[in-house]
Amino acid sequence: MKSAVRISALLWADILVLYALFEMQDYLTEVWGLSFTHAAGILNVWNGISLVLQPLFLFAVSTFLGNFYMLVISSSSYTLGIWLLFMSAPPVLANATGTCKQYEQECISKTHKALLYTGMALIAVGVAGNNVSVLSYLREQPDNKSRGAVIGCLKIPGMAMVAIVGLAGAIALPYIKPWTYRFGIPAVCTTIAGIAFLTGLCFCTFDFPDPNRKRIENLGRMFSLRMLPMWLTFLVCGIISSTGNTYFVEQAKNLDRHLGSWEVPTQVLLLAQTYLGMLLAYLVYVFLNGHGVVKAKILGVLCCIAAAGVERKRLGVVRSKGLLDKQEDDVPMSVYWLLFQFVLLGGMDKLLEKSVAEFDEEGIAAREGNEPDPNELKRLCMEIFSKGVCGLGFMCGVLLVYVAGKISAKGDEPNWFQFSLNRSHLDRYYWVLAVLSSLSLFLYVVVRQCCCCLGR
């Protein structure tokens, strides 16, 4: 039990960092003075790297590294990365760099930028390593009752702790105004979690692993041409997911967040995306049986349509109130209009995770006899590899924004992506994503049907 708690502490620290980084879009636009598309590009490349690294790390874990050594690397990288992010805030090194201490563009030096970029790269390594190895390492811990008892005993206290940390990150952290504290508190918590994990080695079991042949074989099957429709699905869904922590957050800026007399933090939208999206995915998965990927794609299309409609409404309010060039002024429109797109996006992501088992078309369990947990190995490899393809989608989203901007600027028409959101036409970009997702859905259905016919 002690080993399980110490290992799972790494996940609790991850959640707090996630909520701290949720407002990174605001930090880059307000403090660094970047355009909203430039800031979104940085964050999408970072998110993409953290996802693309996961299949590579899974291969390393399966062949020569093992889950324990991966967690040592990832937790150390995570801790160092968040501390570098803390040090990149202007007040921390102002005396050493000879810059001002205000959270303003002129106080950002090359040193601050180097610290932030390096820190985010290290955090990406930490995120990828933890996602690959934390749960797997928990399952490796011995238990007298059964193989899965360690995970089982953690369900109630673990879920309670996740909920507490999530609520703290969503509600308490936003009220801490200085960015140094917003980065510093997660840095301290991540350090404590890392130390707790490393000092609990006497409670854990770890061996230098032999190559996991089954897992390597499963990774090899990921490149089958029959998997092409799935990879296309996750690529496009990755492009849609890339809008969540970037353009969706930018839309929420300066909207009315009051719920009665309480000004609700923006991070509550992330809570809604996580938990209400999970509920939506569960309901869709249970009451509409089969074809989970098709339903996830439909949710993606609906998400883009909802985002386009809400952004069009927001722009209408901005124009009617004369706020086109007043980016920092409050927009008299409720932020809760954004709940639709956040929840649909969360539902799409969760439904894709649930639907990974649909692609187990090769009958591994039937052919491998009494080998241990072939389906679990297959599913793990599929989930991790799907995240990697999704990460490519995050990066492709940056390219898509650039191409859409260039095409939209032809002739006398203005570019859809101006420096500020109020002068842009983000709603049209969402319509492009809706069309792209619809086309990928059609292609997926056609290709999968052809594969089924050929397999008969």
Protein backbone atom coordinates (compact mmCIF):
# COMPACT_ATOMS: atom_id res chain seq x y z
CA MET A 1 0.00 0.00 0.00
CA LYS A 2 2.83 2.42 0.87
CA SER A 3 4.48 1.87 -2.49
CA ALA A 4 1.19 2.44 -4.32
CA VAL A 5 0.56 5.74 -2.53
CA ARG A 6 4.08 6.99 -3.23
CA ILE A 7 3.89 6.05 -6.90
CA SER A 8 0.41 7.51 -7.40
CA ALA A 9 1.61 10.79 -5.86
CA LEU A 10 3.29 11.43 -9.20
CA LEU A 11 -0.16 11.53 -10.81
CA TRP A 12 -1.50 13.97 -8.23
CA ALA A 13 1.38 16.35 -8.95
CA ASP A 14 0.65 16.01 -12.68
CA ILE A 15 -2.91 17.25 -12.14
CA LEU A 16 -1.78 20.39 -10.31
CA VAL A 17 0.74 21.21 -13.04
CA LEU A 18 -1.98 20.64 -15.65
CA TYR A 19 -4.20 23.29 -14.09
CA ALA A 20 -1.27 25.67 -13.72
CA LEU A 21 -0.41 25.33 -17.40
CA PHE A 22 -4.05 25.67 -18.47
CA GLU A 23 -3.63 29.45 -18.43
CA MET A 24 -0.28 29.43 -20.22
CA GLN A 25 -2.06 30.87 -23.27
CA ASP A 26 -2.91 33.96 -21.19
CA TYR A 27 0.63 34.17 -19.82
CA LEU A 28 2.21 34.18 -23.28
CA THR A 29 -0.22 36.75 -24.68
CA GLU A 30 -0.43 39.08 -21.68
CA VAL A 31 3.11 38.91 -20.26
CA TRP A 32 5.15 38.03 -23.33
CA GLY A 33 3.01 40.12 -25.67
CA LEU A 34 2.63 37.37 -28.28
CA SER A 35 -0.25 37.13 -30.71
CA PHE A 36 -2.84 34.53 -29.75
CA THR A 37 -1.88 32.33 -32.72
CA HIS A 38 1.84 32.49 -31.85
CA ALA A 39 1.10 31.53 -28.25
CA ALA A 40 -1.21 28.72 -29.38
CA GLY A 41 1.48 27.44 -31.75
CA ILE A 42 4.01 27.18 -28.92
CA LEU A 43 1.57 25.31 -26.69
CA ASN A 44 0.41 22.96 -29.44
CA VAL A 45 3.97 22.01 -30.36
CA TRP A 46 4.67 21.37 -26.67
CA ASN A 47 1.53 19.25 -26.26
CA GLY A 48 2.35 17.41 -29.47
CA ILE A 49 5.87 16.58 -28.31
CA SER A 50 4.59 15.22 -24.97
CA LEU A 51 2.24 12.89 -26.87
CA VAL A 52 4.63 11.85 -29.65
CA LEU A 53 7.26 10.88 -27.06
CA GLN A 54 4.94 8.32 -25.46
CA PRO A 55 5.27 5.57 -28.12
CA LEU A 56 9.05 6.08 -28.10
CA PHE A 57 9.16 5.81 -24.32
CA LEU A 58 6.94 2.72 -24.39
CA PHE A 59 9.43 1.08 -26.75
CA ALA A 60 12.30 2.06 -24.43
CA VAL A 61 10.46 0.70 -21.39
CA SER A 62 9.67 -2.56 -23.18
CA THR A 63 13.18 -3.20 -24.50
CA PHE A 64 15.80 -2.04 -22.04
CA LEU A 65 14.69 0.62 -19.54
CA GLY A 66 11.76 -0.68 -17.49
CA ASN A 67 9.03 1.29 -15.74
CA PHE A 68 11.03 2.13 -12.62
CA TYR A 69 13.96 3.70 -14.45
CA MET A 70 11.57 5.56 -16.74
CA LEU A 71 9.80 7.04 -13.70
CA VAL A 72 13.12 8.11 -12.19
CA ILE A 73 13.93 9.94 -15.43
CA SER A 74 10.46 11.41 -15.94
CA SER A 75 9.93 12.56 -12.35
CA SER A 76 13.38 14.21 -12.31
CA SER A 77 12.71 15.87 -15.67
CA TYR A 78 9.27 16.98 -14.51
CA THR A 79 10.64 18.56 -11.33
CA LEU A 80 13.51 20.34 -13.07
CA GLY A 81 11.20 21.54 -15.83
CA ILE A 82 8.59 23.12 -13.57
CA TRP A 83 11.34 24.86 -11.55
CA LEU A 84 12.81 26.31 -14.74
CA LEU A 85 9.33 27.49 -15.66
CA PHE A 86 9.12 29.17 -12.24
CA MET A 87 12.50 30.82 -12.79
CA SER A 88 11.37 32.17 -16.18
CA ALA A 89 8.88 34.51 -14.46
CA PRO A 90 10.31 38.10 -14.58
CA PRO A 91 10.65 38.77 -10.82
CA VAL A 92 12.71 35.66 -10.02
CA LEU A 93 15.93 36.49 -11.88
CA ALA A 94 15.40 40.22 -12.34
CA ASN A 95 18.53 41.15 -10.37
CA ALA A 96 20.71 38.56 -12.10
CA THR A 97 19.56 39.47 -15.62
CA GLY A 98 19.32 43.22 -15.03
CA THR A 99 15.68 43.36 -16.13
CA CYS A 100 12.55 44.75 -14.50
CA LYS A 101 10.31 42.72 -12.19
CA GLN A 102 6.93 43.55 -13.71
CA TYR A 103 4.92 41.02 -15.70
CA GLU A 104 5.34 42.98 -18.89
CA GLN A 105 6.82 42.33 -22.32
CA GLU A 106 9.84 44.61 -21.82
CA CYS A 107 10.86 42.59 -18.76
CA ILE A 108 11.22 39.37 -20.76
CA SER A 109 14.85 38.74 -21.79
CA LYS A 110 16.43 35.98 -23.86
CA THR A 111 17.34 34.24 -20.61
CA HIS A 112 13.68 34.13 -19.56
CA LYS A 113 12.69 32.72 -22.94
CA ALA A 114 15.43 30.09 -22.83
CA LEU A 115 14.36 29.03 -19.33
CA LEU A 116 10.71 28.73 -20.34
CA TYR A 117 11.36 26.77 -23.54
CA THR A 118 13.81 24.43 -21.76
CA GLY A 119 11.43 23.98 -18.84
CA MET A 120 8.50 23.13 -21.07
CA ALA A 121 10.61 20.62 -23.00
CA LEU A 122 11.57 18.89 -19.75
CA ILE A 123 7.95 18.92 -18.59
CA ALA A 124 6.97 17.27 -21.89
CA VAL A 125 9.46 14.48 -21.13
CA GLY A 126 8.03 14.15 -17.62
CA VAL A 127 4.42 14.04 -18.83
CA ALA A 128 5.20 11.40 -21.44
CA GLY A 129 7.19 9.20 -19.06
CA ASN A 130 4.59 9.36 -16.31
CA ASN A 131 1.74 8.56 -18.69
CA VAL A 132 3.59 5.50 -19.98
CA SER A 133 4.86 4.06 -16.71
CA VAL A 134 2.95 5.15 -13.59
CA LEU A 135 -0.03 2.81 -13.92
CA SER A 136 2.09 -0.01 -15.36
CA TYR A 137 4.52 0.27 -12.46
CA LEU A 138 1.65 0.24 -9.96
CA ARG A 139 0.48 -3.07 -11.46
CA GLU A 140 3.98 -4.52 -11.08
CA GLN A 141 3.92 -4.13 -7.31
CA PRO A 142 3.37 -7.46 -5.47
CA ASP A 143 0.29 -8.11 -3.41
CA ASN A 144 -0.72 -11.12 -1.36
CA LYS A 145 -4.32 -11.16 -2.50
CA SER A 146 -4.32 -10.71 -6.22
CA ARG A 147 -2.42 -9.12 -9.04
CA GLY A 148 -4.77 -6.15 -9.29
CA ALA A 149 -5.35 -5.54 -5.60
CA VAL A 150 -2.90 -2.67 -5.42
CA ILE A 151 -4.89 -0.73 -7.96
CA GLY A 152 -8.14 -1.76 -6.31
CA CYS A 153 -7.18 -0.55 -2.84
CA LEU A 154 -6.31 2.82 -4.30
CA LYS A 155 -9.63 3.40 -6.03
CA ILE A 156 -11.50 5.14 -3.21
CA PRO A 157 -8.69 7.16 -1.57
CA GLY A 158 -6.99 7.68 -4.94
CA MET A 159 -10.12 9.08 -6.60
CA ALA A 160 -10.78 11.25 -3.55
CA MET A 161 -7.25 12.65 -3.69
CA VAL A 162 -7.50 13.26 -7.43
CA ALA A 163 -10.77 15.13 -6.86
CA ILE A 164 -9.26 17.22 -4.04
CA VAL A 165 -6.16 18.11 -6.04
CA GLY A 166 -8.30 18.83 -9.10
CA LEU A 167 -10.59 21.15 -7.16
CA ALA A 168 -7.61 22.87 -5.55
CA GLY A 169 -6.02 23.41 -8.95
CA ALA A 170 -9.25 24.63 -10.54
CA ILE A 171 -10.55 26.85 -7.74
CA ALA A 172 -7.75 27.86 -5.37
CA LEU A 173 -4.80 28.28 -7.73
CA PRO A 174 -6.40 30.95 -9.99
CA TYR A 175 -6.91 33.26 -7.02
CA ILE A 176 -3.14 33.41 -6.57
CA LYS A 177 -2.42 36.32 -8.90
CA PRO A 178 1.41 36.47 -9.22
CA TRP A 179 2.62 34.05 -11.88
CA THR A 180 5.64 33.19 -9.76
CA TYR A 181 3.34 31.61 -7.17
CA ARG A 182 1.18 29.95 -9.82
CA PHE A 183 4.29 28.22 -11.13
CA GLY A 184 6.03 27.92 -7.77
CA ILE A 185 3.30 26.04 -5.87
CA PRO A 186 3.10 23.22 -8.48
CA ALA A 187 6.91 23.16 -8.50
CA VAL A 188 7.00 22.56 -4.75
CA CYS A 189 4.26 19.89 -4.96
CA THR A 190 6.02 18.14 -7.85
CA THR A 191 9.29 18.15 -5.89
CA ILE A 192 7.59 16.63 -2.84
CA ALA A 193 5.97 13.93 -5.01
CA GLY A 194 9.30 13.13 -6.67
CA ILE A 195 11.13 12.91 -3.35
CA ALA A 196 8.35 10.74 -1.90
CA PHE A 197 8.69 8.38 -4.85
CA LEU A 198 12.50 8.18 -4.71
CA THR A 199 12.65 7.79 -0.93
CA GLY A 200 10.09 4.97 -1.04
CA LEU A 201 12.33 2.61 -2.97
CA CYS A 202 12.41 0.20 -0.05
CA PHE A 203 8.67 -0.33 -0.48
CA CYS A 204 8.85 -0.90 -4.24
CA THR A 205 10.02 -3.79 -6.36
CA PHE A 206 12.00 -3.16 -9.50
CA ASP A 207 14.19 -5.23 -11.75
CA PHE A 208 16.20 -4.48 -14.83
CA PRO A 209 13.77 -5.80 -17.47
CA ASP A 210 14.21 -8.33 -20.16
CA PRO A 211 12.84 -7.24 -23.54
CA ASN A 212 9.04 -7.60 -23.59
CA ARG A 213 8.59 -9.53 -26.83
CA LYS A 214 4.80 -9.35 -26.80
CA ARG A 215 4.76 -5.62 -26.38
CA ILE A 216 7.34 -5.13 -29.13
CA GLU A 217 5.29 -7.33 -31.47
CA ASN A 218 2.19 -5.31 -30.68
CA LEU A 219 4.03 -2.10 -31.45
CA GLY A 220 5.04 -3.58 -34.79
CA ARG A 221 1.41 -4.28 -35.65
CA MET A 222 0.61 -0.59 -35.25
CA PHE A 223 2.11 0.07 -38.68
CA SER A 224 -0.34 -2.22 -40.51
CA LEU A 225 -2.10 -0.64 -43.48
CA ARG A 226 -5.35 -1.87 -41.97
CA MET A 227 -4.75 0.64 -39.18
CA LEU A 228 -4.65 3.58 -41.62
CA PRO A 229 -8.27 4.71 -41.02
CA MET A 230 -7.69 4.77 -37.28
CA TRP A 231 -4.49 6.80 -37.53
CA LEU A 232 -6.25 9.30 -39.78
CA THR A 233 -9.04 9.49 -37.22
CA PHE A 234 -6.67 10.25 -34.35
CA LEU A 235 -4.69 12.73 -36.45
CA VAL A 236 -7.76 14.86 -37.19
CA CYS A 237 -9.05 14.49 -33.63
CA GLY A 238 -5.64 15.69 -32.44
CA ILE A 239 -6.06 18.86 -34.51
CA ILE A 240 -9.45 19.44 -32.88
CA SER A 241 -8.08 18.67 -29.39
CA SER A 242 -5.32 21.22 -29.92
CA THR A 243 -7.91 24.01 -29.70
CA GLY A 244 -8.87 23.14 -26.10
CA ASN A 245 -6.01 24.70 -24.12
CA THR A 246 -5.35 27.41 -26.69
CA TYR A 247 -8.15 28.95 -28.75
CA PHE A 248 -10.91 27.88 -26.36
CA VAL A 249 -9.01 29.55 -23.50
CA GLU A 250 -8.50 32.65 -25.63
CA GLN A 251 -12.26 32.81 -26.26
CA ALA A 252 -12.93 32.61 -22.52
CA LYS A 253 -10.70 35.59 -21.79
CA ASN A 254 -12.63 38.70 -20.67
CA LEU A 255 -16.03 36.99 -20.82
CA ASP A 256 -18.39 37.32 -17.86
CA ARG A 257 -17.49 34.54 -15.41
CA HIS A 258 -19.91 35.47 -12.62
CA LEU A 259 -22.14 32.83 -11.08
CA GLY A 260 -24.24 34.98 -8.82
CA SER A 261 -21.71 37.00 -6.83
CA TRP A 262 -18.91 34.47 -7.37
CA GLU A 263 -16.47 35.08 -10.21
CA VAL A 264 -15.74 31.52 -11.33
CA PRO A 265 -12.12 30.73 -12.31
CA THR A 266 -11.46 29.82 -15.93
CA GLN A 267 -10.04 26.46 -14.81
CA VAL A 268 -13.57 25.32 -13.98
CA LEU A 269 -14.02 24.92 -17.74
CA LEU A 270 -11.21 22.36 -17.65
CA LEU A 271 -13.01 20.55 -14.81
CA ALA A 272 -16.16 20.51 -16.95
CA GLN A 273 -14.20 19.25 -19.94
CA THR A 274 -12.73 16.42 -17.87
CA TYR A 275 -15.65 15.20 -15.78
CA LEU A 276 -18.72 16.23 -17.79
CA GLY A 277 -16.91 15.04 -20.92
CA MET A 278 -16.27 11.72 -19.21
CA LEU A 279 -19.97 11.48 -18.31
CA LEU A 280 -21.01 12.32 -21.87
CA ALA A 281 -18.65 9.69 -23.29
CA TYR A 282 -19.98 7.10 -20.86
CA LEU A 283 -23.61 7.81 -21.74
CA VAL A 284 -22.93 7.73 -25.47
CA TYR A 285 -20.87 4.56 -25.15
CA VAL A 286 -23.48 2.75 -23.02
CA PHE A 287 -26.72 3.78 -24.70
CA LEU A 288 -25.45 3.81 -28.31
CA ASN A 289 -23.64 0.52 -28.69
CA GLY A 290 -20.87 -0.07 -31.23
CA HIS A 291 -18.83 2.14 -33.54
CA GLY A 292 -17.29 4.19 -30.75
CA VAL A 293 -14.85 5.93 -33.07
CA VAL A 294 -17.68 7.03 -35.37
CA LYS A 295 -19.51 8.52 -32.38
CA ALA A 296 -16.32 10.23 -31.20
CA LYS A 297 -15.89 11.77 -34.65
CA ILE A 298 -19.49 12.99 -34.56
CA LEU A 299 -18.83 14.61 -31.17
CA GLY A 300 -15.76 16.26 -32.73
CA VAL A 301 -17.87 17.70 -35.55
CA LEU A 302 -20.49 18.94 -33.08
CA CYS A 303 -17.72 20.48 -30.94
CA CYS A 304 -16.40 22.48 -33.90
CA ILE A 305 -19.89 23.60 -34.90
CA ALA A 306 -20.65 24.69 -31.32
CA ALA A 307 -17.32 26.55 -31.09
CA ALA A 308 -18.00 28.32 -34.39
CA GLY A 309 -21.48 29.36 -33.28
CA VAL A 310 -20.30 30.66 -29.90
CA GLU A 311 -17.39 32.57 -31.45
CA ARG A 312 -19.73 34.15 -34.01
CA LYS A 313 -21.99 35.22 -31.15
CA ARG A 314 -18.99 36.60 -29.21
CA LEU A 315 -17.79 38.59 -32.22
CA GLY A 316 -21.30 39.99 -32.65
CA VAL A 317 -21.25 41.26 -29.07
CA VAL A 318 -17.74 42.67 -29.55
CA ARG A 319 -18.80 44.64 -32.64
CA SER A 320 -22.05 45.87 -31.14
CA LYS A 321 -20.23 47.21 -28.06
CA GLY A 322 -17.37 48.77 -30.02
CA LEU A 323 -14.69 46.51 -28.54
CA LEU A 324 -12.84 45.51 -31.72
CA ASP A 325 -9.67 47.36 -30.67
CA LYS A 326 -10.21 47.02 -26.92
CA GLN A 327 -8.80 43.56 -26.36
CA GLU A 328 -8.44 43.97 -22.59
CA ASP A 329 -11.98 45.22 -21.97
CA ASP A 330 -14.65 42.91 -20.60
CA VAL A 331 -17.10 41.42 -23.08
CA PRO A 332 -20.72 41.40 -21.77
CA MET A 333 -21.34 37.74 -22.63
CA SER A 334 -21.47 34.74 -20.31
CA VAL A 335 -18.47 32.41 -20.39
CA TYR A 336 -20.83 29.47 -19.85
CA TRP A 337 -21.69 29.49 -23.55
CA LEU A 338 -18.30 27.80 -23.92
CA LEU A 339 -19.41 24.83 -21.82
CA PHE A 340 -20.90 23.17 -24.90
CA GLN A 341 -17.63 23.04 -26.84
CA PHE A 342 -15.52 22.12 -23.78
CA VAL A 343 -17.81 19.23 -22.80
CA LEU A 344 -18.11 17.96 -26.39
CA LEU A 345 -14.32 18.09 -26.72
CA GLY A 346 -13.86 16.16 -23.47
CA GLY A 347 -16.45 13.62 -24.61
CA MET A 348 -14.66 13.14 -27.92
CA ASP A 349 -11.31 12.54 -26.22
CA LYS A 350 -12.70 10.09 -23.65
CA LEU A 351 -14.77 8.23 -26.23
CA LEU A 352 -11.70 7.73 -28.40
CA GLU A 353 -9.90 6.20 -25.42
CA LYS A 354 -12.80 3.83 -24.79
CA SER A 355 -12.96 2.84 -28.46
CA VAL A 356 -9.38 1.67 -28.83
CA ALA A 357 -10.49 -1.95 -28.35
CA GLU A 358 -12.46 -1.79 -31.61
CA PHE A 359 -9.22 -2.08 -33.54
CA ASP A 360 -8.16 -5.41 -32.11
CA GLU A 361 -8.93 -7.03 -35.47
CA GLU A 362 -6.19 -9.62 -35.51
CA GLY A 363 -7.60 -11.97 -32.89
CA ILE A 364 -4.56 -11.89 -30.69
CA ALA A 365 -6.25 -13.51 -27.74
CA ALA A 366 -7.45 -16.43 -29.86
CA ARG A 367 -4.03 -17.13 -31.36
CA GLU A 368 -1.76 -16.67 -28.37
CA GLY A 369 -3.18 -19.37 -26.14
CA ASN A 370 -2.20 -19.00 -22.51
CA GLU A 371 0.17 -16.06 -22.84
CA PRO A 372 -0.41 -13.59 -19.99
CA ASP A 373 -2.72 -10.66 -20.68
CA PRO A 374 -2.35 -10.40 -24.48
CA ASN A 375 -5.39 -8.16 -24.72
CA GLU A 376 -4.05 -5.84 -22.03
CA LEU A 377 -0.71 -5.55 -23.81
CA LYS A 378 -2.45 -4.91 -27.11
CA ARG A 379 -4.70 -2.27 -25.61
CA LEU A 380 -1.81 -0.52 -23.86
CA CYS A 381 0.21 -0.35 -27.06
CA MET A 382 -2.82 0.85 -29.00
CA GLU A 383 -3.63 3.58 -26.46
CA ILE A 384 -0.07 4.88 -26.32
CA PHE A 385 0.44 4.79 -30.07
CA SER A 386 -2.90 6.52 -30.63
CA LYS A 387 -1.77 9.31 -28.32
CA GLY A 388 1.39 9.63 -30.39
CA VAL A 389 -0.61 10.06 -33.58
CA CYS A 390 -2.84 12.54 -31.75
CA GLY A 391 0.32 14.46 -30.89
CA LEU A 392 1.14 14.70 -34.57
CA GLY A 393 -2.34 16.17 -34.98
CA PHE A 394 -1.47 18.89 -32.45
CA MET A 395 1.54 19.84 -34.55
CA CYS A 396 -0.43 19.62 -37.79
CA GLY A 397 -2.89 22.08 -36.24
CA VAL A 398 -0.14 24.70 -36.19
CA LEU A 399 0.49 24.12 -39.90
CA LEU A 400 -3.24 24.18 -40.66
CA VAL A 401 -3.63 27.58 -38.99
CA TYR A 402 -0.74 28.93 -41.08
CA VAL A 403 -2.18 27.53 -44.34
CA ALA A 404 -5.71 28.70 -43.54
CA GLY A 405 -4.40 32.16 -42.78
CA LYS A 406 -2.46 32.37 -46.05
CA ILE A 407 -5.41 31.16 -48.13
CA SER A 408 -7.88 33.47 -46.38
CA ALA A 409 -5.63 36.49 -47.05
CA LYS A 410 -5.78 36.13 -50.83
CA GLY A 411 -7.19 39.11 -52.67
CA ASP A 412 -8.54 41.95 -50.56
CA GLU A 413 -9.81 39.72 -47.76
CA PRO A 414 -8.10 40.05 -44.35
CA ASN A 415 -6.29 37.14 -42.79
CA TRP A 416 -8.56 35.16 -40.47
CA PHE A 417 -5.85 35.29 -37.79
CA GLN A 418 -4.99 38.83 -36.75
CA PHE A 419 -2.86 39.78 -33.76
CA SER A 420 -5.88 39.99 -31.46
CA LEU A 421 -8.84 37.64 -31.26
CA ASN A 422 -11.42 40.42 -31.63
CA ARG A 423 -10.06 41.29 -35.08
CA SER A 424 -9.82 37.66 -36.18
CA HIS A 425 -12.35 35.20 -37.62
CA LEU A 426 -11.73 32.14 -35.48
CA ASP A 427 -15.29 31.03 -36.20
CA ARG A 428 -14.38 30.36 -39.83
CA TYR A 429 -11.42 28.25 -38.75
CA TYR A 430 -13.76 26.16 -36.60
CA TRP A 431 -15.95 25.58 -39.66
CA VAL A 432 -12.87 24.37 -41.53
CA LEU A 433 -12.21 21.90 -38.70
CA ALA A 434 -15.84 20.74 -38.82
CA VAL A 435 -15.58 20.05 -42.56
CA LEU A 436 -12.20 18.35 -42.17
CA SER A 437 -13.52 16.14 -39.38
CA SER A 438 -16.60 15.23 -41.43
CA LEU A 439 -14.42 14.24 -44.38
CA SER A 440 -12.18 12.11 -42.17
CA LEU A 441 -15.29 10.44 -40.72
CA PHE A 442 -16.55 9.59 -44.21
CA LEU A 443 -13.13 8.27 -45.25
CA TYR A 444 -12.86 6.23 -42.04
CA VAL A 445 -16.23 4.56 -42.59
CA VAL A 446 -15.44 3.77 -46.23
CA VAL A 447 -11.94 2.41 -45.59
CA ARG A 448 -13.01 0.36 -42.57
CA GLN A 449 -15.90 -1.13 -44.52
CA CYS A 450 -13.53 -2.05 -47.36
CA CYS A 451 -11.15 -3.66 -44.87
CA CYS A 452 -13.99 -5.69 -43.38
CA CYS A 453 -15.09 -6.86 -46.84
CA LEU A 454 -11.54 -7.86 -47.78
CA GLY A 455 -11.13 -9.72 -44.50
CA ARG A 456 -14.14 -11.98 -45.11
